[in-house]
PDB file of N, CA and C in Angstrom:
ATOM      1  N   MET A   1       0.943  -1.431  -0.254  1.00  0.00           N
ATOM      2  CA  MET A   1      -0.278   0.142  -0.045  1.00  0.00           C
ATOM      3  C   MET A   1       0.720   1.532  -0.170  1.00  0.00           C
ATOM      4  N   ALA A   2       0.861   2.173  -0.924  1.00  0.00           N
ATOM      5  CA  ALA A   2       1.454   3.455  -0.904  1.00  0.00           C
ATOM      6  C   ALA A   2       1.086   4.232  -0.019  1.00  0.00           C
ATOM      7  N   LYS A   3       2.247   4.866   0.685  1.00  0.00           N
ATOM      8  CA  LYS A   3       2.184   6.163   1.819  1.00  0.00           C
ATOM      9  C   LYS A   3       1.304   7.099   1.378  1.00  0.00           C
ATOM     10  N   ARG A   4       0.115   7.954   1.846  1.00  0.00           N
ATOM     11  CA  ARG A   4      -0.054   9.292   1.241  1.00  0.00           C
ATOM     12  C   ARG A   4       0.970  10.289   2.166  1.00  0.00           C
ATOM     13  N   LYS A   5       0.622  10.718   1.185  1.00  0.00           N
ATOM     14  CA  LYS A   5       1.404  12.562   1.213  1.00  0.00           C
ATOM     15  C   LYS A   5       1.030  13.197   2.150  1.00  0.00           C
ATOM     16  N   GLN A   6       1.449  13.660   3.284  1.00  0.00           N
ATOM     17  CA  GLN A   6       0.409  14.864   4.360  1.00  0.00           C
ATOM     18  C   GLN A   6       0.532  15.770   3.598  1.00  0.00           C
ATOM     19  N   ARG A   7      -0.774  16.670   3.307  1.00  0.00           N
ATOM     20  CA  ARG A   7      -0.804  17.762   3.297  1.00  0.00           C
ATOM     21  C   ARG A   7      -0.163  18.525   4.028  1.00  0.00           C
ATOM     22  N   PRO A   8       0.523  19.947   3.292  1.00  0.00           N
ATOM     23  CA  PRO A   8       1.321  20.633   3.814  1.00  0.00           C
ATOM     24  C   PRO A   8       0.098  21.458   4.772  1.00  0.00           C
ATOM     25  N   ARG A   9       1.094  22.233   6.085  1.00  0.00           N
ATOM     26  CA  ARG A   9      -0.362  22.411   6.778  1.00  0.00           C
ATOM     27  C   ARG A   9      -0.510  24.157   6.607  1.00  0.00           C
ATOM     28  N   ARG A  10      -1.382  24.634   6.694  1.00  0.00           N
ATOM     29  CA  ARG A  10      -1.537  25.965   5.965  1.00  0.00           C
ATOM     30  C   ARG A  10      -1.702  26.893   7.345  1.00  0.00           C
ATOM     31  N   GLU A  11      -1.186  27.965   7.203  1.00  0.00           N
ATOM     32  CA  GLU A  11      -0.767  28.800   7.852  1.00  0.00           C
ATOM     33  C   GLU A  11      -2.059  29.640   8.117  1.00  0.00           C
ATOM     34  N   PRO A  12      -2.302  29.970   9.518  1.00  0.00           N
ATOM     35  CA  PRO A  12      -3.767  31.192   9.530  1.00  0.00           C
ATOM     36  C   PRO A  12      -3.637  32.441   9.222  1.00  0.00           C
ATOM     37  N   PRO A  13      -4.889  32.440   8.570  1.00  0.00           N
ATOM     38  CA  PRO A  13      -4.881  34.016   7.849  1.00  0.00           C
ATOM     39  C   PRO A  13      -4.415  34.931   8.791  1.00  0.00           C
ATOM     40  N   ALA A  14      -3.920  35.836   8.211  1.00  0.00           N
ATOM     41  CA  ALA A  14      -3.554  37.122   8.806  1.00  0.00           C
ATOM     42  C   ALA A  14      -4.799  37.726   9.307  1.00  0.00           C
ATOM     43  N   THR A  15      -4.476  38.461  10.388  1.00  0.00           N
ATOM     44  CA  THR A  15      -6.274  38.939  10.656  1.00  0.00           C
ATOM     45  C   THR A  15      -5.925  40.717  11.405  1.00  0.00           C
ATOM     46  N   SER A  16      -6.972  41.031  11.484  1.00  0.00           N
ATOM     47  CA  SER A  16      -7.013  42.229  12.799  1.00  0.00           C
ATOM     48  C   SER A  16      -7.859  42.158  13.057  1.00  0.00           C
ATOM     49  N   GLU A  17      -7.945  43.012  14.369  1.00  0.00           N
ATOM     50  CA  GLU A  17      -8.654  42.977  15.262  1.00  0.00           C
ATOM     51  C   GLU A  17      -9.610  44.323  15.484  1.00  0.00           C
ATOM     52  N   TYR A  18     -10.950  44.411  15.935  1.00  0.00           N
ATOM     53  CA  TYR A  18     -11.517  45.950  15.615  1.00  0.00           C
ATOM     54  C   TYR A  18     -12.223  45.436  17.441  1.00  0.00           C
ATOM     55  N   ARG A  19     -12.369  46.624  17.897  1.00  0.00           N
ATOM     56  CA  ARG A  19     -13.255  46.346  19.333  1.00  0.00           C
ATOM     57  C   ARG A  19     -13.948  47.838  19.423  1.00  0.00           C
ATOM     58  N   ASP A  20     -15.386  47.146  19.957  1.00  0.00           N
ATOM     59  CA  ASP A  20     -16.696  48.676  19.905  1.00  0.00           C
ATOM     60  C   ASP A  20     -16.057  49.082  21.209  1.00  0.00           C
ATOM     61  N   PRO A  21     -16.824  50.319  21.798  1.00  0.00           N
ATOM     62  CA  PRO A  21     -17.172  50.893  22.130  1.00  0.00           C
ATOM     63  C   PRO A  21     -17.452  50.004  24.232  1.00  0.00           C
ATOM     64  N   GLU A  22     -17.900  49.176  23.730  1.00  0.00           N
ATOM     65  CA  GLU A  22     -18.147  48.369  25.035  1.00  0.00           C
ATOM     66  C   GLU A  22     -17.219  47.319  25.479  1.00  0.00           C
ATOM     67  N   GLY A  23     -16.164  46.934  23.927  1.00  0.00           N
ATOM     68  CA  GLY A  23     -15.302  45.976  24.452  1.00  0.00           C
ATOM     69  C   GLY A  23     -15.333  44.602  24.105  1.00  0.00           C
ATOM     70  N   ASN A  24     -16.419  44.614  22.999  1.00  0.00           N
ATOM     71  CA  ASN A  24     -16.833  43.402  22.072  1.00  0.00           C
ATOM     72  C   ASN A  24     -15.572  43.482  21.158  1.00  0.00           C
ATOM     73  N   LEU A  25     -14.736  42.010  20.552  1.00  0.00           N
ATOM     74  CA  LEU A  25     -14.027  42.455  19.699  1.00  0.00           C
ATOM     75  C   LEU A  25     -13.899  41.222  17.999  1.00  0.00           C
ATOM     76  N   LEU A  26     -14.127  41.971  17.415  1.00  0.00           N
ATOM     77  CA  LEU A  26     -14.499  41.345  16.114  1.00  0.00           C
ATOM     78  C   LEU A  26     -12.959  41.067  15.288  1.00  0.00           C
ATOM     79  N   ILE A  27     -13.271  40.141  14.495  1.00  0.00           N
ATOM     80  CA  ILE A  27     -11.580  40.008  14.046  1.00  0.00           C
ATOM     81  C   ILE A  27     -11.879  38.937  12.944  1.00  0.00           C
ATOM     82  N   LEU A  28     -10.875  39.975  11.538  1.00  0.00           N
ATOM     83  CA  LEU A  28     -11.243  40.094  10.492  1.00  0.00           C
ATOM     84  C   LEU A  28     -10.125  39.611   9.869  1.00  0.00           C
ATOM     85  N   ARG A  29     -10.160  38.690   8.711  1.00  0.00           N
ATOM     86  CA  ARG A  29      -9.484  38.319   7.745  1.00  0.00           C
ATOM     87  C   ARG A  29      -8.624  39.324   7.001  1.00  0.00           C
ATOM     88  N   GLN A  30      -7.212  39.349   6.626  1.00  0.00           N
ATOM     89  CA  GLN A  30      -7.067  40.507   6.013  1.00  0.00           C
ATOM     90  C   GLN A  30      -6.867  40.330   4.131  1.00  0.00           C
ATOM     91  N   GLU A  31      -6.821  39.211   4.449  1.00  0.00           N
ATOM     92  CA  GLU A  31      -6.505  38.801   2.468  1.00  0.00           C
ATOM     93  C   GLU A  31      -8.150  37.781   2.282  1.00  0.00           C
ATOM     94  N   LEU A  32      -8.240  37.798   0.752  1.00  0.00           N
ATOM     95  CA  LEU A  32      -8.894  37.155   0.796  1.00  0.00           C
ATOM     96  C   LEU A  32      -8.925  36.707  -0.699  1.00  0.00           C
ATOM     97  N   SER A  33      -9.094  35.570  -1.554  1.00  0.00           N
ATOM     98  CA  SER A  33      -9.023  34.882  -2.650  1.00  0.00           C
ATOM     99  C   SER A  33      -9.553  35.689  -3.853  1.00  0.00           C
ATOM    100  N   ARG A  34      -8.881  35.649  -4.855  1.00  0.00           N
ATOM    101  CA  ARG A  34      -9.292  36.396  -5.936  1.00  0.00           C
ATOM    102  C   ARG A  34     -10.594  36.248  -6.582  1.00  0.00           C
ATOM    103  N   GLY A  35     -10.685  35.025  -6.587  1.00  0.00           N
ATOM    104  CA  GLY A  35     -12.306  34.361  -6.728  1.00  0.00           C
ATOM    105  C   GLY A  35     -13.366  35.256  -6.274  1.00  0.00           C
ATOM    106  N   THR A  36     -13.087  35.282  -4.467  1.00  0.00           N
ATOM    107  CA  THR A  36     -13.994  35.738  -3.846  1.00  0.00           C
ATOM    108  C   THR A  36     -13.956  37.411  -4.028  1.00  0.00           C
ATOM    109  N   VAL A  37     -13.089  37.856  -4.414  1.00  0.00           N
ATOM    110  CA  VAL A  37     -12.919  39.691  -4.211  1.00  0.00           C
ATOM    111  C   VAL A  37     -14.103  39.401  -5.550  1.00  0.00           C
ATOM    112  N   ARG A  38     -13.931  38.471  -6.471  1.00  0.00           N
ATOM    113  CA  ARG A  38     -14.657  38.566  -8.012  1.00  0.00           C
ATOM    114  C   ARG A  38     -16.024  38.650  -7.777  1.00  0.00           C
ATOM    115  N   LYS A  39     -16.510  37.667  -7.051  1.00  0.00           N
ATOM    116  CA  LYS A  39     -17.590  37.109  -6.478  1.00  0.00           C
ATOM    117  C   LYS A  39     -18.253  38.468  -5.930  1.00  0.00           C
ATOM    118  N   LEU A  40     -17.938  38.903  -4.933  1.00  0.00           N
ATOM    119  CA  LEU A  40     -18.054  39.939  -4.160  1.00  0.00           C
ATOM    120  C   LEU A  40     -18.643  41.754  -4.703  1.00  0.00           C
ATOM    121  N   ALA A  41     -17.817  41.565  -5.874  1.00  0.00           N
ATOM    122  CA  ALA A  41     -17.725  42.974  -6.753  1.00  0.00           C
ATOM    123  C   ALA A  41     -19.124  42.501  -7.988  1.00  0.00           C
ATOM    124  N   GLU A  42     -19.314  41.177  -8.161  1.00  0.00           N
ATOM    125  CA  GLU A  42     -20.775  41.087  -8.827  1.00  0.00           C
ATOM    126  C   GLU A  42     -21.588  42.028  -8.500  1.00  0.00           C
ATOM    127  N   ARG A  43     -22.335  42.116  -9.780  1.00  0.00           N
ATOM    128  CA  ARG A  43     -23.976  43.295  -9.835  1.00  0.00           C
ATOM    129  C   ARG A  43     -24.688  41.698  -9.386  1.00  0.00           C
ATOM    130  N   PRO A  44     -26.105  42.129  -8.572  1.00  0.00           N
ATOM    131  CA  PRO A  44     -26.952  41.089  -8.272  1.00  0.00           C
ATOM    132  C   PRO A  44     -27.586  40.682  -9.828  1.00  0.00           C
ATOM    133  N   ALA A  45     -27.971  39.288  -9.765  1.00  0.00           N
ATOM    134  CA  ALA A  45     -27.996  38.772 -11.201  1.00  0.00           C
ATOM    135  C   ALA A  45     -29.556  38.943 -11.729  1.00  0.00           C
ATOM    136  N   SER A  46     -30.317  39.292 -11.198  1.00  0.00           N
ATOM    137  CA  SER A  46     -31.585  39.927 -11.825  1.00  0.00           C
ATOM    138  C   SER A  46     -32.019  41.011 -11.246  1.00  0.00           C
ATOM    139  N   ASP A  47     -33.037  41.631 -12.017  1.00  0.00           N
ATOM    140  CA  ASP A  47     -33.346  42.723 -11.761  1.00  0.00           C
ATOM    141  C   ASP A  47     -34.137  43.442 -10.583  1.00  0.00           C
ATOM    142  N   ALA A  48     -34.545  41.828 -10.313  1.00  0.00           N
ATOM    143  CA  ALA A  48     -35.887  41.542  -9.621  1.00  0.00           C
ATOM    144  C   ALA A  48     -35.475  42.074  -7.919  1.00  0.00           C
ATOM    145  N   ALA A  49     -33.904  42.037  -7.947  1.00  0.00           N
ATOM    146  CA  ALA A  49     -33.507  42.698  -6.438  1.00  0.00           C
ATOM    147  C   ALA A  49     -33.042  43.745  -6.169  1.00  0.00           C
ATOM    148  N   SER A  50     -34.183  44.124  -5.074  1.00  0.00           N
ATOM    149  CA  SER A  50     -33.963  45.944  -4.819  1.00  0.00           C
ATOM    150  C   SER A  50     -32.537  46.155  -5.021  1.00  0.00           C
ATOM    151  N   VAL A  51     -32.547  47.823  -4.502  1.00  0.00           N
ATOM    152  CA  VAL A  51     -31.181  48.145  -4.072  1.00  0.00           C
ATOM    153  C   VAL A  51     -30.630  47.883  -2.536  1.00  0.00           C
ATOM    154  N   GLU A  52     -32.056  47.669  -1.655  1.00  0.00           N
ATOM    155  CA  GLU A  52     -31.853  47.543  -0.186  1.00  0.00           C
ATOM    156  C   GLU A  52     -31.689  45.820   0.048  1.00  0.00           C
ATOM    157  N   ASP A  53     -31.928  45.033  -1.110  1.00  0.00           N
ATOM    158  CA  ASP A  53     -31.849  43.537  -0.858  1.00  0.00           C
ATOM    159  C   ASP A  53     -30.266  43.411  -1.153  1.00  0.00           C
ATOM    160  N   ALA A  54     -30.112  44.013  -2.676  1.00  0.00           N
ATOM    161  CA  ALA A  54     -28.382  43.704  -3.035  1.00  0.00           C
ATOM    162  C   ALA A  54     -27.633  44.017  -1.660  1.00  0.00           C
ATOM    163  N   TRP A  55     -27.863  45.454  -1.558  1.00  0.00           N
ATOM    164  CA  TRP A  55     -26.929  46.160  -0.434  1.00  0.00           C
ATOM    165  C   TRP A  55     -26.625  45.017   1.231  1.00  0.00           C
ATOM    166  N   GLN A  56     -27.934  44.939   1.331  1.00  0.00           N
ATOM    167  CA  GLN A  56     -27.995  43.759   2.702  1.00  0.00           C
ATOM    168  C   GLN A  56     -27.127  42.561   1.994  1.00  0.00           C
ATOM    169  N   ARG A  57     -27.170  42.096   1.147  1.00  0.00           N
ATOM    170  CA  ARG A  57     -26.699  40.720   0.716  1.00  0.00           C
ATOM    171  C   ARG A  57     -25.036  40.788   0.664  1.00  0.00           C
ATOM    172  N   ARG A  58     -24.601  41.826   0.027  1.00  0.00           N
ATOM    173  CA  ARG A  58     -23.485  42.129   0.164  1.00  0.00           C
ATOM    174  C   ARG A  58     -22.864  42.185   1.247  1.00  0.00           C
ATOM    175  N   GLU A  59     -23.558  43.032   1.794  1.00  0.00           N
ATOM    176  CA  GLU A  59     -22.972  43.196   3.446  1.00  0.00           C
ATOM    177  C   GLU A  59     -22.939  42.035   4.607  1.00  0.00           C
ATOM    178  N   GLU A  60     -23.831  41.458   4.050  1.00  0.00           N
ATOM    179  CA  GLU A  60     -23.598  39.401   4.929  1.00  0.00           C
ATOM    180  C   GLU A  60     -22.613  38.826   4.682  1.00  0.00           C
ATOM    181  N   MET A  61     -22.353  39.244   2.641  1.00  0.00           N
ATOM    182  CA  MET A  61     -21.015  38.250   2.110  1.00  0.00           C
ATOM    183  C   MET A  61     -19.838  38.409   2.578  1.00  0.00           C
ATOM    184  N   LEU A  62     -19.511  39.778   2.788  1.00  0.00           N
ATOM    185  CA  LEU A  62     -18.816  40.409   3.222  1.00  0.00           C
ATOM    186  C   LEU A  62     -18.453  40.133   4.864  1.00  0.00           C
ATOM    187  N   PHE A  63     -18.928  39.878   5.552  1.00  0.00           N
ATOM    188  CA  PHE A  63     -19.105  39.549   6.694  1.00  0.00           C
ATOM    189  C   PHE A  63     -18.366  38.268   7.113  1.00  0.00           C
ATOM    190  N   GLU A  64     -19.426  37.410   6.156  1.00  0.00           N
ATOM    191  CA  GLU A  64     -19.461  35.777   6.046  1.00  0.00           C
ATOM    192  C   GLU A  64     -17.812  35.303   5.556  1.00  0.00           C
ATOM    193  N   ARG A  65     -17.491  36.336   4.423  1.00  0.00           N
ATOM    194  CA  ARG A  65     -15.999  35.955   3.922  1.00  0.00           C
ATOM    195  C   ARG A  65     -14.787  36.682   4.912  1.00  0.00           C
ATOM    196  N   LEU A  66     -15.100  37.513   5.520  1.00  0.00           N
ATOM    197  CA  LEU A  66     -13.913  38.055   6.101  1.00  0.00           C
ATOM    198  C   LEU A  66     -13.830  38.074   7.977  1.00  0.00           C
ATOM    199  N   ALA A  67     -15.268  37.529   8.741  1.00  0.00           N
ATOM    200  CA  ALA A  67     -15.235  37.478   9.848  1.00  0.00           C
ATOM    201  C   ALA A  67     -14.840  36.052  10.313  1.00  0.00           C
ATOM    202  N   VAL A  68     -13.753  36.159  11.508  1.00  0.00           N
ATOM    203  CA  VAL A  68     -13.058  35.038  11.821  1.00  0.00           C
ATOM    204  C   VAL A  68     -13.270  34.601  13.419  1.00  0.00           C
ATOM    205  N   ARG A  69     -13.950  35.697  13.608  1.00  0.00           N
ATOM    206  CA  ARG A  69     -13.983  35.513  15.497  1.00  0.00           C
ATOM    207  C   ARG A  69     -14.825  36.826  15.823  1.00  0.00           C
ATOM    208  N   TRP A  70     -15.843  36.611  16.463  1.00  0.00           N
ATOM    209  CA  TRP A  70     -16.427  37.380  17.071  1.00  0.00           C
ATOM    210  C   TRP A  70     -17.017  37.516  18.635  1.00  0.00           C
ATOM    211  N   GLU A  71     -16.180  38.211  19.319  1.00  0.00           N
ATOM    212  CA  GLU A  71     -16.111  37.839  21.018  1.00  0.00           C
ATOM    213  C   GLU A  71     -17.288  38.902  21.305  1.00  0.00           C
ATOM    214  N   ILE A  72     -18.525  38.916  21.932  1.00  0.00           N
ATOM    215  CA  ILE A  72     -19.260  39.362  22.486  1.00  0.00           C
ATOM    216  C   ILE A  72     -19.746  39.297  23.936  1.00  0.00           C
ATOM    217  N   ALA A  73     -19.732  40.369  24.839  1.00  0.00           N
ATOM    218  CA  ALA A  73     -19.543  40.232  26.060  1.00  0.00           C
ATOM    219  C   ALA A  73     -18.853  38.472  27.072  1.00  0.00           C
ATOM    220  N   GLY A  74     -17.734  38.329  26.455  1.00  0.00           N
ATOM    221  CA  GLY A  74     -16.879  37.298  26.805  1.00  0.00           C
ATOM    222  C   GLY A  74     -16.543  36.192  26.173  1.00  0.00           C
ATOM    223  N   LEU A  75     -18.374  36.273  25.577  1.00  0.00           N
ATOM    224  CA  LEU A  75     -18.398  35.036  24.651  1.00  0.00           C
ATOM    225  C   LEU A  75     -17.600  34.893  22.972  1.00  0.00           C
ATOM    226  N   PRO A  76     -16.829  34.285  22.962  1.00  0.00           N
ATOM    227  CA  PRO A  76     -16.038  33.641  21.477  1.00  0.00           C
ATOM    228  C   PRO A  76     -17.259  33.003  20.449  1.00  0.00           C
ATOM    229  N   ILE A  77     -17.179  33.584  19.331  1.00  0.00           N
ATOM    230  CA  ILE A  77     -17.930  32.906  18.472  1.00  0.00           C
ATOM    231  C   ILE A  77     -17.316  32.745  17.236  1.00  0.00           C
ATOM    232  N   GLU A  78     -17.046  31.695  16.775  1.00  0.00           N
ATOM    233  CA  GLU A  78     -16.014  31.114  15.588  1.00  0.00           C
ATOM    234  C   GLU A  78     -16.846  30.528  14.619  1.00  0.00           C
ATOM    235  N   ASP A  79     -17.737  29.900  14.559  1.00  0.00           N
ATOM    236  CA  ASP A  79     -18.437  28.778  13.951  1.00  0.00           C
ATOM    237  C   ASP A  79     -18.839  29.722  12.782  1.00  0.00           C
ATOM    238  N   GLN A  80     -18.600  29.471  11.329  1.00  0.00           N
ATOM    239  CA  GLN A  80     -19.189  30.573  10.665  1.00  0.00           C
ATOM    240  C   GLN A  80     -20.488  30.726  10.393  1.00  0.00           C
ATOM    241  N   LYS A  81     -21.398  30.002  10.375  1.00  0.00           N
ATOM    242  CA  LYS A  81     -22.862  29.791  10.414  1.00  0.00           C
ATOM    243  C   LYS A  81     -23.329  30.787  11.579  1.00  0.00           C
ATOM    244  N   THR A  82     -23.114  30.364  12.683  1.00  0.00           N
ATOM    245  CA  THR A  82     -22.885  30.963  14.441  1.00  0.00           C
ATOM    246  C   THR A  82     -22.689  32.613  14.261  1.00  0.00           C
ATOM    247  N   LEU A  83     -21.819  32.929  13.388  1.00  0.00           N
ATOM    248  CA  LEU A  83     -21.772  34.396  13.102  1.00  0.00           C
ATOM    249  C   LEU A  83     -22.386  34.898  12.502  1.00  0.00           C
ATOM    250  N   LEU A  84     -22.799  34.349  11.254  1.00  0.00           N
ATOM    251  CA  LEU A  84     -23.734  35.068  10.465  1.00  0.00           C
ATOM    252  C   LEU A  84     -25.190  35.072  11.048  1.00  0.00           C
ATOM    253  N   GLY A  85     -25.374  33.994  12.169  1.00  0.00           N
ATOM    254  CA  GLY A  85     -26.737  34.211  12.691  1.00  0.00           C
ATOM    255  C   GLY A  85     -27.116  35.181  13.776  1.00  0.00           C
ATOM    256  N   ARG A  86     -25.608  35.535  14.102  1.00  0.00           N
ATOM    257  CA  ARG A  86     -25.345  36.320  15.025  1.00  0.00           C
ATOM    258  C   ARG A  86     -25.805  37.778  14.701  1.00  0.00           C
ATOM    259  N   LEU A  87     -24.920  37.977  13.790  1.00  0.00           N
ATOM    260  CA  LEU A  87     -24.696  39.507  12.697  1.00  0.00           C
ATOM    261  C   LEU A  87     -26.502  39.401  12.266  1.00  0.00           C
ATOM    262  N   ARG A  88     -27.140  38.702  11.991  1.00  0.00           N
ATOM    263  CA  ARG A  88     -28.461  38.827  11.633  1.00  0.00           C
ATOM    264  C   ARG A  88     -29.444  39.251  12.940  1.00  0.00           C
ATOM    265  N   MET A  89     -28.841  38.774  14.233  1.00  0.00           N
ATOM    266  CA  MET A  89     -29.811  39.333  15.561  1.00  0.00           C
ATOM    267  C   MET A  89     -29.128  40.097  15.898  1.00  0.00           C
ATOM    268  N   ALA A  90     -28.207  41.072  15.436  1.00  0.00           N
ATOM    269  CA  ALA A  90     -27.498  42.000  15.973  1.00  0.00           C
ATOM    270  C   ALA A  90     -28.419  43.296  16.243  1.00  0.00           C
ATOM    271  N   THR A  91     -28.267  44.413  17.275  1.00  0.00           N
ATOM    272  CA  THR A  91     -29.060  45.551  17.356  1.00  0.00           C
ATOM    273  C   THR A  91     -28.697  46.239  16.034  1.00  0.00           C
ATOM    274  N   PRO A  92     -29.579  47.492  16.075  1.00  0.00           N
ATOM    275  CA  PRO A  92     -28.851  48.256  14.731  1.00  0.00           C
ATOM    276  C   PRO A  92     -27.593  49.412  14.929  1.00  0.00           C
ATOM    277  N   GLU A  93     -27.016  49.453  16.428  1.00  0.00           N
ATOM    278  CA  GLU A  93     -26.360  49.792  17.052  1.00  0.00           C
ATOM    279  C   GLU A  93     -24.996  48.685  16.370  1.00  0.00           C
ATOM    280  N   GLU A  94     -25.421  47.207  17.011  1.00  0.00           N
ATOM    281  CA  GLU A  94     -24.002  46.422  16.228  1.00  0.00           C
ATOM    282  C   GLU A  94     -23.891  46.347  14.985  1.00  0.00           C
ATOM    283  N   ARG A  95     -24.692  46.486  14.408  1.00  0.00           N
ATOM    284  CA  ARG A  95     -24.880  45.999  12.886  1.00  0.00           C
ATOM    285  C   ARG A  95     -24.242  47.779  11.930  1.00  0.00           C
ATOM    286  N   ARG A  96     -24.457  48.663  12.762  1.00  0.00           N
ATOM    287  CA  ARG A  96     -23.964  49.677  12.514  1.00  0.00           C
ATOM    288  C   ARG A  96     -22.584  49.505  12.666  1.00  0.00           C
ATOM    289  N   TRP A  97     -21.739  49.254  13.964  1.00  0.00           N
ATOM    290  CA  TRP A  97     -21.021  49.305  14.182  1.00  0.00           C
ATOM    291  C   TRP A  97     -19.915  48.070  13.590  1.00  0.00           C
ATOM    292  N   VAL A  98     -20.443  47.365  12.655  1.00  0.00           N
ATOM    293  CA  VAL A  98     -19.594  46.165  12.628  1.00  0.00           C
ATOM    294  C   VAL A  98     -19.559  46.744  10.696  1.00  0.00           C
ATOM    295  N   ARG A  99     -20.728  47.070  10.243  1.00  0.00           N
ATOM    296  CA  ARG A  99     -20.638  47.972   8.705  1.00  0.00           C
ATOM    297  C   ARG A  99     -19.296  48.975   9.046  1.00  0.00           C
ATOM    298  N   GLU A 100     -18.996  49.601   9.858  1.00  0.00           N
ATOM    299  CA  GLU A 100     -18.000  50.459   9.564  1.00  0.00           C
ATOM    300  C   GLU A 100     -16.721  49.988   9.886  1.00  0.00           C
ATOM    301  N   ALA A 101     -16.519  49.071  10.987  1.00  0.00           N
ATOM    302  CA  ALA A 101     -15.367  48.100  10.988  1.00  0.00           C
ATOM    303  C   ALA A 101     -14.978  47.611   9.545  1.00  0.00           C
ATOM    304  N   ILE A 102     -15.920  46.914   9.322  1.00  0.00           N
ATOM    305  CA  ILE A 102     -15.394  46.041   7.676  1.00  0.00           C
ATOM    306  C   ILE A 102     -15.530  47.263   6.766  1.00  0.00           C
ATOM    307  N   ALA A 103     -16.084  48.295   6.894  1.00  0.00           N
ATOM    308  CA  ALA A 103     -15.621  49.584   5.817  1.00  0.00           C
ATOM    309  C   ALA A 103     -14.385  49.698   5.838  1.00  0.00           C
ATOM    310  N   GLY A 104     -13.714  50.305   6.807  1.00  0.00           N
ATOM    311  CA  GLY A 104     -12.434  50.768   7.547  1.00  0.00           C
ATOM    312  C   GLY A 104     -11.568  49.769   6.946  1.00  0.00           C
ATOM    313  N   HIS A 105     -11.831  48.241   7.391  1.00  0.00           N
ATOM    314  CA  HIS A 105     -10.483  47.459   7.261  1.00  0.00           C
ATOM    315  C   HIS A 105     -10.667  47.176   5.724  1.00  0.00           C
ATOM    316  N   CYS A 106     -11.820  47.350   5.129  1.00  0.00           N
ATOM    317  CA  CYS A 106     -11.441  47.341   3.511  1.00  0.00           C
ATOM    318  C   CYS A 106     -10.816  48.440   2.898  1.00  0.00           C
ATOM    319  N   GLU A 107     -10.965  49.401   3.602  1.00  0.00           N
ATOM    320  CA  GLU A 107     -10.051  50.604   2.897  1.00  0.00           C
ATOM    321  C   GLU A 107      -8.849  49.823   3.043  1.00  0.00           C
ATOM    322  N   ARG A 108      -8.309  49.789   3.835  1.00  0.00           N
ATOM    323  CA  ARG A 108      -6.893  49.352   4.405  1.00  0.00           C
ATOM    324  C   ARG A 108      -6.782  48.487   3.768  1.00  0.00           C
ATOM    325  N   TYR A 109      -7.344  46.957   3.603  1.00  0.00           N
ATOM    326  CA  TYR A 109      -6.235  45.450   3.314  1.00  0.00           C
ATOM    327  C   TYR A 109      -7.108  45.276   2.038  1.00  0.00           C
ATOM    328  N   LEU A 110      -8.336  45.991   1.355  1.00  0.00           N
ATOM    329  CA  LEU A 110      -8.906  45.361   0.295  1.00  0.00           C
ATOM    330  C   LEU A 110      -9.476  46.807  -0.424  1.00  0.00           C
ATOM    331  N   PRO A 111      -8.825  47.401  -0.694  1.00  0.00           N
ATOM    332  CA  PRO A 111      -8.985  48.605  -1.596  1.00  0.00           C
ATOM    333  C   PRO A 111     -10.100  48.414  -2.834  1.00  0.00           C
ATOM    334  N   GLU A 112      -9.822  47.162  -3.381  1.00  0.00           N
ATOM    335  CA  GLU A 112     -10.736  46.720  -4.364  1.00  0.00           C
ATOM    336  C   GLU A 112     -11.915  46.402  -4.010  1.00  0.00           C
ATOM    337  N   LEU A 113     -12.459  46.451  -2.828  1.00  0.00           N
ATOM    338  CA  LEU A 113     -13.668  46.308  -2.396  1.00  0.00           C
ATOM    339  C   LEU A 113     -14.579  47.391  -1.854  1.00  0.00           C
ATOM    340  N   THR A 114     -13.999  48.712  -2.344  1.00  0.00           N
ATOM    341  CA  THR A 114     -14.689  50.200  -1.627  1.00  0.00           C
ATOM    342  C   THR A 114     -15.289  50.743  -2.884  1.00  0.00           C
TER     343      THR A 114
END
């Protein structure tokens, strides 16, 4: 039986940390693949999607691709489905803060998305 080649270990992605006034921590990855950047830059496939729908979906896609960890009141969230679910349940103030953190992050690390 042939030996299997072990896959090289992936380095964890480079990340940046953002803290809100309450001390909650949002950790975002600094890089995205070219394919992901291309997908995020696409316009909605149908004209039926309203501007609000398209904006909301892009916001969620950005969060989904960038968020590595979100620590709220000392409780860390790292699972992607849980992170997205928590974003959807966030208060308007929390969503605004996340939106601003991601916008600043993209300006600094991913200018092609701004």
